[in-house]
Structures are given as C-alpha cells and as structure tokens.
Amino acid sequence: MGKVRPRLIKRTAEELLATYPDKFTNNFEHNKRMVALLLEGASKRVRNRIAGYITRLISKGLVELPVGETGAEEE
C-alpha cells in the first residue's frame, strides 16, 4: 500500500510543477528551498510534504522535466 497524502499536498505540488517545471530537481533539499521561496505562509510540515511529493514524482519519472534538469546530458 502506498502513502496517503491529502488532496491539498497533491494539488499544490502539481500546480507548482506545472507553473515552475524548471525550478525542481530530484533533490529533496533543493526542492524544499524552492517550495519555501514559492509558497508564502505555509507551515514547515506542509512545505516538507509538498517538497517530498515533488521529489517522488520526479524520481519515479511521473513528471516530464525540461532536458538537462535531472543530470542527464545530451550529446
């Protein structure tokens, strides 16, 4: 069974990824800083959950990122 996340976490993460796809990577610490900059007034727990969900989506390949964002280079 997977983890259950509130709709607020999923919706906010998906909106951030749609709006700022080039600002997120598969690094949780980087995503945590980006979420803190982009979301004003969210609690630490909510910010961390959103950053974790974004990281998981990117790591599992469920979200398409612009070329070169995950560390893979084209020749």
PDB file of N, CA and C in Angstrom:
ATOM      1  N   MET A   1       0.840  -1.181   0.000  1.00  0.00           N
ATOM      2  CA  MET A   1       0.000   0.000   0.000  1.00  0.00           C
ATOM      3  C   MET A   1       0.884   1.244   0.000  1.00  0.00           C
ATOM      4  N   GLY A   2       0.443   2.241  -0.685  1.00  0.00           N
ATOM      5  CA  GLY A   2       1.196   3.482  -0.762  1.00  0.00           C
ATOM      6  C   GLY A   2       0.821   4.438   0.348  1.00  0.00           C
ATOM      7  N   LYS A   3       1.575   5.512   0.412  1.00  0.00           N
ATOM      8  CA  LYS A   3       1.280   6.540   1.407  1.00  0.00           C
ATOM      9  C   LYS A   3       0.090   7.370   0.946  1.00  0.00           C
ATOM     10  N   VAL A   4      -0.715   7.761   1.891  1.00  0.00           N
ATOM     11  CA  VAL A   4      -1.871   8.596   1.591  1.00  0.00           C
ATOM     12  C   VAL A   4      -1.493  10.044   1.872  1.00  0.00           C
ATOM     13  N   ARG A   5      -1.677  10.888   0.874  1.00  0.00           N
ATOM     14  CA  ARG A   5      -1.385  12.309   1.048  1.00  0.00           C
ATOM     15  C   ARG A   5      -2.678  13.090   0.871  1.00  0.00           C
ATOM     16  N   PRO A   6      -2.847  14.151   1.648  1.00  0.00           N
ATOM     17  CA  PRO A   6      -4.048  14.977   1.490  1.00  0.00           C
ATOM     18  C   PRO A   6      -4.108  15.611   0.101  1.00  0.00           C
ATOM     19  N   ARG A   7      -5.313  15.896  -0.318  1.00  0.00           N
ATOM     20  CA  ARG A   7      -5.521  16.498  -1.632  1.00  0.00           C
ATOM     21  C   ARG A   7      -4.797  17.835  -1.760  1.00  0.00           C
ATOM     22  N   LEU A   8      -4.712  18.595  -0.656  1.00  0.00           N
ATOM     23  CA  LEU A   8      -4.016  19.883  -0.672  1.00  0.00           C
ATOM     24  C   LEU A   8      -2.556  19.716  -1.082  1.00  0.00           C
ATOM     25  N   ILE A   9      -1.890  18.698  -0.562  1.00  0.00           N
ATOM     26  CA  ILE A   9      -0.480  18.457  -0.866  1.00  0.00           C
ATOM     27  C   ILE A   9      -0.317  18.111  -2.344  1.00  0.00           C
ATOM     28  N   LYS A  10      -1.119  17.186  -2.831  1.00  0.00           N
ATOM     29  CA  LYS A  10      -1.008  16.757  -4.225  1.00  0.00           C
ATOM     30  C   LYS A  10      -1.340  17.882  -5.193  1.00  0.00           C
ATOM     31  N   ARG A  11      -2.427  18.594  -4.914  1.00  0.00           N
ATOM     32  CA  ARG A  11      -2.857  19.669  -5.819  1.00  0.00           C
ATOM     33  C   ARG A  11      -1.818  20.780  -5.871  1.00  0.00           C
ATOM     34  N   THR A  12      -1.306  21.188  -4.705  1.00  0.00           N
ATOM     35  CA  THR A  12      -0.316  22.260  -4.656  1.00  0.00           C
ATOM     36  C   THR A  12       0.964  21.843  -5.366  1.00  0.00           C
ATOM     37  N   ALA A  13       1.412  20.613  -5.144  1.00  0.00           N
ATOM     38  CA  ALA A  13       2.631  20.123  -5.795  1.00  0.00           C
ATOM     39  C   ALA A  13       2.462  20.088  -7.310  1.00  0.00           C
ATOM     40  N   GLU A  14       1.323  19.622  -7.774  1.00  0.00           N
ATOM     41  CA  GLU A  14       1.083  19.557  -9.214  1.00  0.00           C
ATOM     42  C   GLU A  14       0.996  20.948  -9.828  1.00  0.00           C
ATOM     43  N   GLU A  15       0.401  21.906  -9.116  1.00  0.00           N
ATOM     44  CA  GLU A  15       0.334  23.282  -9.608  1.00  0.00           C
ATOM     45  C   GLU A  15       1.725  23.903  -9.683  1.00  0.00           C
ATOM     46  N   LEU A  16       2.552  23.669  -8.663  1.00  0.00           N
ATOM     47  CA  LEU A  16       3.916  24.204  -8.676  1.00  0.00           C
ATOM     48  C   LEU A  16       4.726  23.599  -9.816  1.00  0.00           C
ATOM     49  N   LEU A  17       4.593  22.295 -10.035  1.00  0.00           N
ATOM     50  CA  LEU A  17       5.320  21.647 -11.132  1.00  0.00           C
ATOM     51  C   LEU A  17       4.851  22.148 -12.489  1.00  0.00           C
ATOM     52  N   ALA A  18       3.569  22.427 -12.623  1.00  0.00           N
ATOM     53  CA  ALA A  18       3.052  22.927 -13.895  1.00  0.00           C
ATOM     54  C   ALA A  18       3.501  24.363 -14.144  1.00  0.00           C
ATOM     55  N   THR A  19       3.570  25.159 -13.079  1.00  0.00           N
ATOM     56  CA  THR A  19       3.921  26.569 -13.215  1.00  0.00           C
ATOM     57  C   THR A  19       5.425  26.785 -13.322  1.00  0.00           C
ATOM     58  N   TYR A  20       6.194  26.051 -12.518  1.00  0.00           N
ATOM     59  CA  TYR A  20       7.650  26.231 -12.463  1.00  0.00           C
ATOM     60  C   TYR A  20       8.369  24.904 -12.696  1.00  0.00           C
ATOM     61  N   PRO A  21       8.276  24.307 -13.872  1.00  0.00           N
ATOM     62  CA  PRO A  21       8.900  22.990 -14.070  1.00  0.00           C
ATOM     63  C   PRO A  21      10.423  23.022 -14.030  1.00  0.00           C
ATOM     64  N   ASP A  22      11.024  24.162 -14.337  1.00  0.00           N
ATOM     65  CA  ASP A  22      12.483  24.246 -14.379  1.00  0.00           C
ATOM     66  C   ASP A  22      13.111  24.508 -13.015  1.00  0.00           C
ATOM     67  N   LYS A  23      12.333  24.745 -11.980  1.00  0.00           N
ATOM     68  CA  LYS A  23      12.868  25.065 -10.660  1.00  0.00           C
ATOM     69  C   LYS A  23      13.062  23.846  -9.768  1.00  0.00           C
ATOM     70  N   PHE A  24      12.561  22.676 -10.174  1.00  0.00           N
ATOM     71  CA  PHE A  24      12.611  21.498  -9.315  1.00  0.00           C
ATOM     72  C   PHE A  24      13.492  20.412  -9.917  1.00  0.00           C
ATOM     73  N   THR A  25      14.163  19.656  -9.034  1.00  0.00           N
ATOM     74  CA  THR A  25      15.018  18.540  -9.443  1.00  0.00           C
ATOM     75  C   THR A  25      14.621  17.312  -8.635  1.00  0.00           C
ATOM     76  N   ASN A  26      15.444  16.261  -8.685  1.00  0.00           N
ATOM     77  CA  ASN A  26      15.168  15.078  -7.877  1.00  0.00           C
ATOM     78  C   ASN A  26      15.882  15.137  -6.526  1.00  0.00           C
ATOM     79  N   ASN A  27      16.328  16.321  -6.109  1.00  0.00           N
ATOM     80  CA  ASN A  27      16.998  16.540  -4.826  1.00  0.00           C
ATOM     81  C   ASN A  27      16.003  17.163  -3.843  1.00  0.00           C
ATOM     82  N   PHE A  28      15.718  16.460  -2.744  1.00  0.00           N
ATOM     83  CA  PHE A  28      14.732  16.928  -1.777  1.00  0.00           C
ATOM     84  C   PHE A  28      15.127  18.260  -1.149  1.00  0.00           C
ATOM     85  N   GLU A  29      16.385  18.433  -0.765  1.00  0.00           N
ATOM     86  CA  GLU A  29      16.820  19.668  -0.105  1.00  0.00           C
ATOM     87  C   GLU A  29      16.630  20.875  -1.026  1.00  0.00           C
ATOM     88  N   HIS A  30      16.966  20.711  -2.288  1.00  0.00           N
ATOM     89  CA  HIS A  30      16.777  21.801  -3.258  1.00  0.00           C
ATOM     90  C   HIS A  30      15.284  22.114  -3.420  1.00  0.00           C
ATOM     91  N   ASN A  31      14.477  21.072  -3.546  1.00  0.00           N
ATOM     92  CA  ASN A  31      13.033  21.270  -3.706  1.00  0.00           C
ATOM     93  C   ASN A  31      12.425  21.923  -2.474  1.00  0.00           C
ATOM     94  N   LYS A  32      12.942  21.578  -1.298  1.00  0.00           N
ATOM     95  CA  LYS A  32      12.440  22.164  -0.057  1.00  0.00           C
ATOM     96  C   LYS A  32      12.683  23.675  -0.046  1.00  0.00           C
ATOM     97  N   ARG A  33      13.866  24.096  -0.492  1.00  0.00           N
ATOM     98  CA  ARG A  33      14.166  25.537  -0.557  1.00  0.00           C
ATOM     99  C   ARG A  33      13.288  26.237  -1.592  1.00  0.00           C
ATOM    100  N   MET A  34      13.067  25.591  -2.737  1.00  0.00           N
ATOM    101  CA  MET A  34      12.240  26.201  -3.778  1.00  0.00           C
ATOM    102  C   MET A  34      10.787  26.347  -3.316  1.00  0.00           C
ATOM    103  N   VAL A  35      10.260  25.342  -2.649  1.00  0.00           N
ATOM    104  CA  VAL A  35       8.883  25.415  -2.152  1.00  0.00           C
ATOM    105  C   VAL A  35       8.772  26.528  -1.119  1.00  0.00           C
ATOM    106  N   ALA A  36       9.779  26.669  -0.256  1.00  0.00           N
ATOM    107  CA  ALA A  36       9.755  27.732   0.755  1.00  0.00           C
ATOM    108  C   ALA A  36       9.758  29.107   0.098  1.00  0.00           C
ATOM    109  N   LEU A  37      10.484  29.254  -1.011  1.00  0.00           N
ATOM    110  CA  LEU A  37      10.512  30.540  -1.714  1.00  0.00           C
ATOM    111  C   LEU A  37       9.196  30.823  -2.444  1.00  0.00           C
ATOM    112  N   LEU A  38       8.590  29.791  -3.001  1.00  0.00           N
ATOM    113  CA  LEU A  38       7.399  29.980  -3.827  1.00  0.00           C
ATOM    114  C   LEU A  38       6.100  30.041  -3.028  1.00  0.00           C
ATOM    115  N   LEU A  39       6.065  29.398  -1.872  1.00  0.00           N
ATOM    116  CA  LEU A  39       4.850  29.393  -1.051  1.00  0.00           C
ATOM    117  C   LEU A  39       5.060  30.245   0.192  1.00  0.00           C
ATOM    118  N   GLU A  40       4.336  31.311   0.282  1.00  0.00           N
ATOM    119  CA  GLU A  40       4.408  32.177   1.458  1.00  0.00           C
ATOM    120  C   GLU A  40       3.332  31.744   2.442  1.00  0.00           C
ATOM    121  N   GLY A  41       3.687  31.615   3.696  1.00  0.00           N
ATOM    122  CA  GLY A  41       2.703  31.349   4.731  1.00  0.00           C
ATOM    123  C   GLY A  41       2.387  29.891   4.994  1.00  0.00           C
ATOM    124  N   ALA A  42       2.989  28.975   4.264  1.00  0.00           N
ATOM    125  CA  ALA A  42       2.742  27.552   4.519  1.00  0.00           C
ATOM    126  C   ALA A  42       3.606  27.094   5.687  1.00  0.00           C
ATOM    127  N   SER A  43       3.089  26.176   6.474  1.00  0.00           N
ATOM    128  CA  SER A  43       3.848  25.684   7.623  1.00  0.00           C
ATOM    129  C   SER A  43       5.017  24.817   7.149  1.00  0.00           C
ATOM    130  N   LYS A  44       5.956  24.595   8.052  1.00  0.00           N
ATOM    131  CA  LYS A  44       7.134  23.798   7.729  1.00  0.00           C
ATOM    132  C   LYS A  44       6.732  22.377   7.323  1.00  0.00           C
ATOM    133  N   ARG A  45       5.785  21.806   8.033  1.00  0.00           N
ATOM    134  CA  ARG A  45       5.345  20.443   7.743  1.00  0.00           C
ATOM    135  C   ARG A  45       4.710  20.342   6.355  1.00  0.00           C
ATOM    136  N   VAL A  46       3.888  21.314   6.007  1.00  0.00           N
ATOM    137  CA  VAL A  46       3.237  21.310   4.691  1.00  0.00           C
ATOM    138  C   VAL A  46       4.274  21.506   3.591  1.00  0.00           C
ATOM    139  N   ARG A  47       5.213  22.434   3.800  1.00  0.00           N
ATOM    140  CA  ARG A  47       6.271  22.659   2.801  1.00  0.00           C
ATOM    141  C   ARG A  47       7.085  21.391   2.573  1.00  0.00           C
ATOM    142  N   ASN A  48       7.440  20.699   3.657  1.00  0.00           N
ATOM    143  CA  ASN A  48       8.235  19.480   3.528  1.00  0.00           C
ATOM    144  C   ASN A  48       7.460  18.371   2.820  1.00  0.00           C
ATOM    145  N   ARG A  49       6.183  18.252   3.099  1.00  0.00           N
ATOM    146  CA  ARG A  49       5.374  17.227   2.435  1.00  0.00           C
ATOM    147  C   ARG A  49       5.242  17.511   0.941  1.00  0.00           C
ATOM    148  N   ILE A  50       5.061  18.785   0.590  1.00  0.00           N
ATOM    149  CA  ILE A  50       4.961  19.155  -0.824  1.00  0.00           C
ATOM    150  C   ILE A  50       6.283  18.878  -1.528  1.00  0.00           C
ATOM    151  N   ALA A  51       7.396  19.271  -0.900  1.00  0.00           N
ATOM    152  CA  ALA A  51       8.717  19.034  -1.492  1.00  0.00           C
ATOM    153  C   ALA A  51       8.977  17.538  -1.651  1.00  0.00           C
ATOM    154  N   GLY A  52       8.585  16.743  -0.677  1.00  0.00           N
ATOM    155  CA  GLY A  52       8.763  15.298  -0.765  1.00  0.00           C
ATOM    156  C   GLY A  52       7.938  14.680  -1.874  1.00  0.00           C
ATOM    157  N   TYR A  53       6.727  15.149  -2.045  1.00  0.00           N
ATOM    158  CA  TYR A  53       5.866  14.626  -3.105  1.00  0.00           C
ATOM    159  C   TYR A  53       6.417  15.008  -4.477  1.00  0.00           C
ATOM    160  N   ILE A  54       6.900  16.237  -4.623  1.00  0.00           N
ATOM    161  CA  ILE A  54       7.510  16.671  -5.887  1.00  0.00           C
ATOM    162  C   ILE A  54       8.733  15.814  -6.194  1.00  0.00           C
ATOM    163  N   THR A  55       9.579  15.593  -5.183  1.00  0.00           N
ATOM    164  CA  THR A  55      10.779  14.781  -5.369  1.00  0.00           C
ATOM    165  C   THR A  55      10.411  13.363  -5.795  1.00  0.00           C
ATOM    166  N   ARG A  56       9.391  12.807  -5.183  1.00  0.00           N
ATOM    167  CA  ARG A  56       8.965  11.448  -5.528  1.00  0.00           C
ATOM    168  C   ARG A  56       8.438  11.380  -6.959  1.00  0.00           C
ATOM    169  N   LEU A  57       7.645  12.361  -7.362  1.00  0.00           N
ATOM    170  CA  LEU A  57       7.125  12.371  -8.731  1.00  0.00           C
ATOM    171  C   LEU A  57       8.255  12.435  -9.750  1.00  0.00           C
ATOM    172  N   ILE A  58       9.247  13.272  -9.486  1.00  0.00           N
ATOM    173  CA  ILE A  58      10.363  13.425 -10.415  1.00  0.00           C
ATOM    174  C   ILE A  58      11.231  12.168 -10.418  1.00  0.00           C
ATOM    175  N   SER A  59      11.521  11.613  -9.240  1.00  0.00           N
ATOM    176  CA  SER A  59      12.380  10.433  -9.141  1.00  0.00           C
ATOM    177  C   SER A  59      11.765   9.217  -9.824  1.00  0.00           C
ATOM    178  N   LYS A  60      10.468   9.061  -9.708  1.00  0.00           N
ATOM    179  CA  LYS A  60       9.785   7.923 -10.320  1.00  0.00           C
ATOM    180  C   LYS A  60       9.531   8.134 -11.809  1.00  0.00           C
ATOM    181  N   GLY A  61       9.834   9.323 -12.326  1.00  0.00           N
ATOM    182  CA  GLY A  61       9.645   9.593 -13.739  1.00  0.00           C
ATOM    183  C   GLY A  61       8.206   9.864 -14.118  1.00  0.00           C
ATOM    184  N   LEU A  62       7.386  10.246 -13.154  1.00  0.00           N
ATOM    185  CA  LEU A  62       5.978  10.514 -13.436  1.00  0.00           C
ATOM    186  C   LEU A  62       5.750  11.915 -13.982  1.00  0.00           C
ATOM    187  N   VAL A  63       6.803  12.742 -13.951  1.00  0.00           N
ATOM    188  CA  VAL A  63       6.710  14.117 -14.429  1.00  0.00           C
ATOM    189  C   VAL A  63       7.824  14.336 -15.437  1.00  0.00           C
ATOM    190  N   GLU A  64       7.500  14.925 -16.564  1.00  0.00           N
ATOM    191  CA  GLU A  64       8.498  15.253 -17.576  1.00  0.00           C
ATOM    192  C   GLU A  64       9.155  16.576 -17.226  1.00  0.00           C
ATOM    193  N   LEU A  65      10.491  16.585 -17.120  1.00  0.00           N
ATOM    194  CA  LEU A  65      11.231  17.812 -16.846  1.00  0.00           C
ATOM    195  C   LEU A  65      11.896  18.297 -18.122  1.00  0.00           C
ATOM    196  N   PRO A  66      12.220  19.587 -18.181  1.00  0.00           N
ATOM    197  CA  PRO A  66      12.991  20.072 -19.323  1.00  0.00           C
ATOM    198  C   PRO A  66      14.317  19.323 -19.413  1.00  0.00           C
ATOM    199  N   VAL A  67      14.872  19.206 -20.600  1.00  0.00           N
ATOM    200  CA  VAL A  67      16.107  18.451 -20.827  1.00  0.00           C
ATOM    201  C   VAL A  67      17.244  19.033 -20.004  1.00  0.00           C
ATOM    202  N   GLY A  68      18.024  18.158 -19.368  1.00  0.00           N
ATOM    203  CA  GLY A  68      19.195  18.584 -18.614  1.00  0.00           C
ATOM    204  C   GLY A  68      18.944  18.843 -17.148  1.00  0.00           C
ATOM    205  N   GLU A  69      17.720  18.746 -16.669  1.00  0.00           N
ATOM    206  CA  GLU A  69      17.416  19.062 -15.277  1.00  0.00           C
ATOM    207  C   GLU A  69      17.759  17.926 -14.323  1.00  0.00           C
ATOM    208  N   THR A  70      17.720  16.668 -14.775  1.00  0.00           N
ATOM    209  CA  THR A  70      17.967  15.552 -13.873  1.00  0.00           C
ATOM    210  C   THR A  70      19.423  15.116 -13.889  1.00  0.00           C
ATOM    211  N   GLY A  71      20.272  15.823 -14.575  1.00  0.00           N
ATOM    212  CA  GLY A  71      21.683  15.481 -14.605  1.00  0.00           C
ATOM    213  C   GLY A  71      22.077  14.728 -15.864  1.00  0.00           C
ATOM    214  N   ALA A  72      21.135  14.283 -16.664  1.00  0.00           N
ATOM    215  CA  ALA A  72      21.445  13.586 -17.906  1.00  0.00           C
ATOM    216  C   ALA A  72      21.764  14.615 -18.984  1.00  0.00           C
ATOM    217  N   GLU A  73      22.867  14.368 -19.684  1.00  0.00           N
ATOM    218  CA  GLU A  73      23.267  15.316 -20.726  1.00  0.00           C
ATOM    219  C   GLU A  73      23.093  14.674 -22.090  1.00  0.00           C
ATOM    220  N   GLU A  74      22.733  15.482 -23.060  1.00  0.00           N
ATOM    221  CA  GLU A  74      22.614  15.004 -24.432  1.00  0.00           C
ATOM    222  C   GLU A  74      23.912  15.270 -25.164  1.00  0.00           C
ATOM    223  N   GLU A  75      24.218  14.409 -26.119  1.00  0.00           N
ATOM    224  CA  GLU A  75      25.430  14.608 -26.906  1.00  0.00           C
ATOM    225  C   GLU A  75      25.092  15.072 -28.288  1.00  0.00           C
TER     226      GLU A  75
END
